[in-house]
Protein backbone atom coordinates (compact mmCIF):
# COMPACT_ATOMS: atom_id res chain seq x y z
CA MET A 1 108.61 67.16 111.96
CA ASP A 2 112.04 68.59 111.11
CA ASN A 3 112.58 72.00 112.78
CA ASN A 4 115.56 72.75 110.53
CA LYS A 5 113.39 72.90 107.41
CA ARG A 6 113.17 76.20 105.59
CA PRO A 7 109.73 77.80 105.59
CA VAL A 8 107.67 77.33 102.45
CA GLY A 9 107.17 80.32 100.13
CA ARG A 10 109.19 83.33 99.30
CA PRO A 11 111.06 85.23 102.05
CA ARG A 12 109.25 88.08 103.78
CA LEU A 13 109.88 91.40 102.04
CA GLU A 14 110.62 93.06 105.38
CA GLU A 15 113.74 90.95 105.81
CA THR A 16 115.22 90.66 102.30
CA MET A 17 116.21 92.77 99.36
CA ASN A 18 117.37 91.87 95.90
CA PRO A 19 121.20 92.25 95.91
CA GLU A 20 120.98 93.88 92.49
CA TRP A 21 118.70 96.58 93.96
CA TYR A 22 121.24 97.16 96.74
CA ASN A 23 124.03 97.59 94.18
CA ILE A 24 121.96 100.03 92.09
CA ILE A 25 121.09 102.14 95.15
CA ILE A 26 124.68 102.22 96.44
CA GLU A 27 126.10 103.01 92.98
CA ALA A 28 123.63 105.91 92.67
CA GLY A 29 124.96 107.27 95.97
CA ARG A 30 128.58 106.91 94.89
CA ASP A 31 127.76 108.85 91.70
CA GLY A 32 125.83 111.61 93.53
CA LYS A 33 122.66 110.78 91.60
CA HIS A 34 119.25 112.02 92.63
CA ILE A 35 116.97 109.48 94.27
CA THR A 36 114.59 109.70 91.31
CA GLN A 37 117.25 108.16 89.09
CA PHE A 38 117.47 104.92 91.05
CA LEU A 39 113.71 104.79 91.70
CA ILE A 40 113.11 104.85 87.94
CA GLU A 41 115.78 102.21 87.36
CA LEU A 42 114.20 99.96 90.01
CA GLY A 43 110.66 100.71 88.86
CA ILE A 44 109.60 102.00 92.29
CA SER A 45 107.09 104.82 92.78
CA TRP A 46 107.53 107.50 95.43
CA GLU A 47 104.76 105.86 97.43
CA GLY A 48 106.43 102.47 97.10
CA HIS A 49 109.73 104.00 98.20
CA GLY A 50 108.09 105.43 101.32
CA ASN A 51 106.48 102.09 102.11
CA LEU A 52 109.75 100.22 101.64
CA LEU A 53 111.56 102.63 103.95
CA LYS A 54 109.00 101.93 106.67
CA ARG A 55 108.64 98.17 106.18
CA ASN A 56 111.90 96.83 104.80
CA LYS A 57 114.93 97.04 107.08
CA LYS A 58 117.40 96.11 104.31
CA TYR A 59 115.99 98.74 101.93
CA ASN A 60 116.09 101.34 104.68
CA GLU A 61 119.74 100.49 105.42
CA ALA A 62 120.62 100.69 101.71
CA PHE A 63 118.88 104.07 101.42
CA ASN A 64 120.72 105.45 104.46
CA GLU A 65 124.02 104.32 102.93
CA TYR A 66 122.96 105.93 99.62
CA GLN A 67 122.31 109.22 101.43
CA LYS A 68 125.71 109.15 103.12
CA LEU A 69 127.58 108.33 99.89
CA CYS A 70 125.61 110.88 97.88
CA GLU A 71 126.28 113.63 100.41
CA GLN A 72 129.98 112.77 100.30
CA TRP A 73 129.95 112.96 96.48
CA TRP A 74 128.43 116.45 96.55
CA PHE A 75 130.74 117.59 99.34
CA GLU A 76 133.74 116.40 97.32
CA ARG A 77 132.68 118.62 94.39
CA ALA A 78 133.10 121.71 96.56
CA HIS A 79 136.29 120.38 98.13
CA GLN A 80 137.83 119.70 94.70
CA ALA A 81 136.91 123.18 93.47
CA ILE A 82 138.66 124.77 96.45
CA GLU A 83 141.76 122.57 96.26
CA SER A 84 142.17 123.05 92.52
CA GLY A 85 141.87 126.82 92.79
CA GLU A 86 138.76 126.70 90.57
CA SER A 87 136.33 127.87 93.26
CA ASN A 88 135.63 131.03 91.28
CA LYS A 89 134.09 128.80 88.57
CA PHE A 90 132.11 126.74 91.10
CA ASN A 91 128.43 127.67 91.48
CA GLN A 92 128.37 127.95 95.26
CA ARG A 93 124.79 129.20 95.42
CA LEU A 94 123.46 126.22 93.46
CA TRP A 95 125.60 123.82 95.52
CA THR A 96 124.25 125.31 98.76
CA ILE A 97 120.65 124.97 97.56
CA ILE A 98 121.25 121.34 96.56
CA MET A 99 122.85 120.50 99.91
CA LYS A 100 120.08 122.18 101.92
CA ASN A 101 117.31 120.49 99.94
CA LYS A 102 118.86 117.08 99.41
CA PHE A 103 120.42 116.67 102.87
CA LYS A 104 118.04 118.61 105.09
CA ASN A 105 119.13 116.99 108.35
CA ASN A 106 122.79 117.96 107.94
CA TRP A 107 122.63 121.18 105.92
CA GLN A 108 120.28 123.88 107.10
CA ASP A 109 120.29 127.49 108.12
CA GLU A 110 119.19 127.80 111.67
CA LYS A 111 117.32 131.00 112.30
CA GLN A 112 115.80 131.77 115.64
CA VAL A 113 113.74 134.90 116.07
CA ASP A 114 112.71 136.03 119.52
CA ILE A 115 110.72 139.24 119.33
CA THR A 116 108.82 139.45 122.61
CA SER A 117 110.04 136.98 125.22
CA LYS A 118 113.60 138.31 125.70
CA GLY A 119 114.80 134.71 125.78
CA ASP A 120 112.28 133.52 128.39
CA LYS A 121 110.17 130.50 127.59
CA LEU A 122 106.58 131.31 126.74
CA ASN A 123 103.92 129.58 128.77
CA PRO A 124 100.73 129.44 126.67
CA SER A 125 98.49 129.52 129.75
CA GLU A 126 100.16 132.66 131.14
CA ASN A 127 101.26 134.54 128.02
CA THR A 128 99.04 135.76 125.25
CA ILE A 129 100.47 136.48 121.85
CA GLN A 130 98.52 138.92 119.74
CA ILE A 131 99.16 139.53 116.10
CA GLU A 132 97.76 142.58 114.40
CA ILE A 133 97.55 142.61 110.63
CA ILE A 134 97.59 146.09 109.15
CA ARG A 135 96.42 146.26 105.58
CA LYS A 136 97.31 149.15 103.39
CA ASN A 137 94.20 150.85 102.06
CA ILE A 138 94.31 150.88 98.25
CA GLU A 139 92.14 154.03 98.10
CA ASP A 140 94.68 155.95 100.20
CA GLU A 141 97.38 155.15 97.61
CA SER A 142 95.37 156.48 94.67
CA THR A 143 94.79 159.90 96.30
CA GLN A 144 98.48 160.53 97.00
């Protein structure tokens, strides 16, 4: 038996990806397109996309590259507006919302609220947190 023979059948999906798919995904990133646009073009459902990310290394790599290119495209929009002196016409609020939602790992507001521990770590076995909910009585409002 020849050990150099190629295995029979199509290649495992976990290890391959159609080069045309790769090009479509990368081009979508370069153009700042939403993921939905390339999923529709490829005929992939959201569930299928999630499964491919988990099971197909090549698809996962292409998607990560898409994310990086897409983020760069959106970042360049703001950069161009500032450099051109047109920032007053640039919708900064919308841009911020897009960046925070589309690129959650890199663009987020970090808010930390520490009301009771004064910076000390809470130990659930030693500390008890009580929350009291005070409801406004509707009848009290009508008599005022």
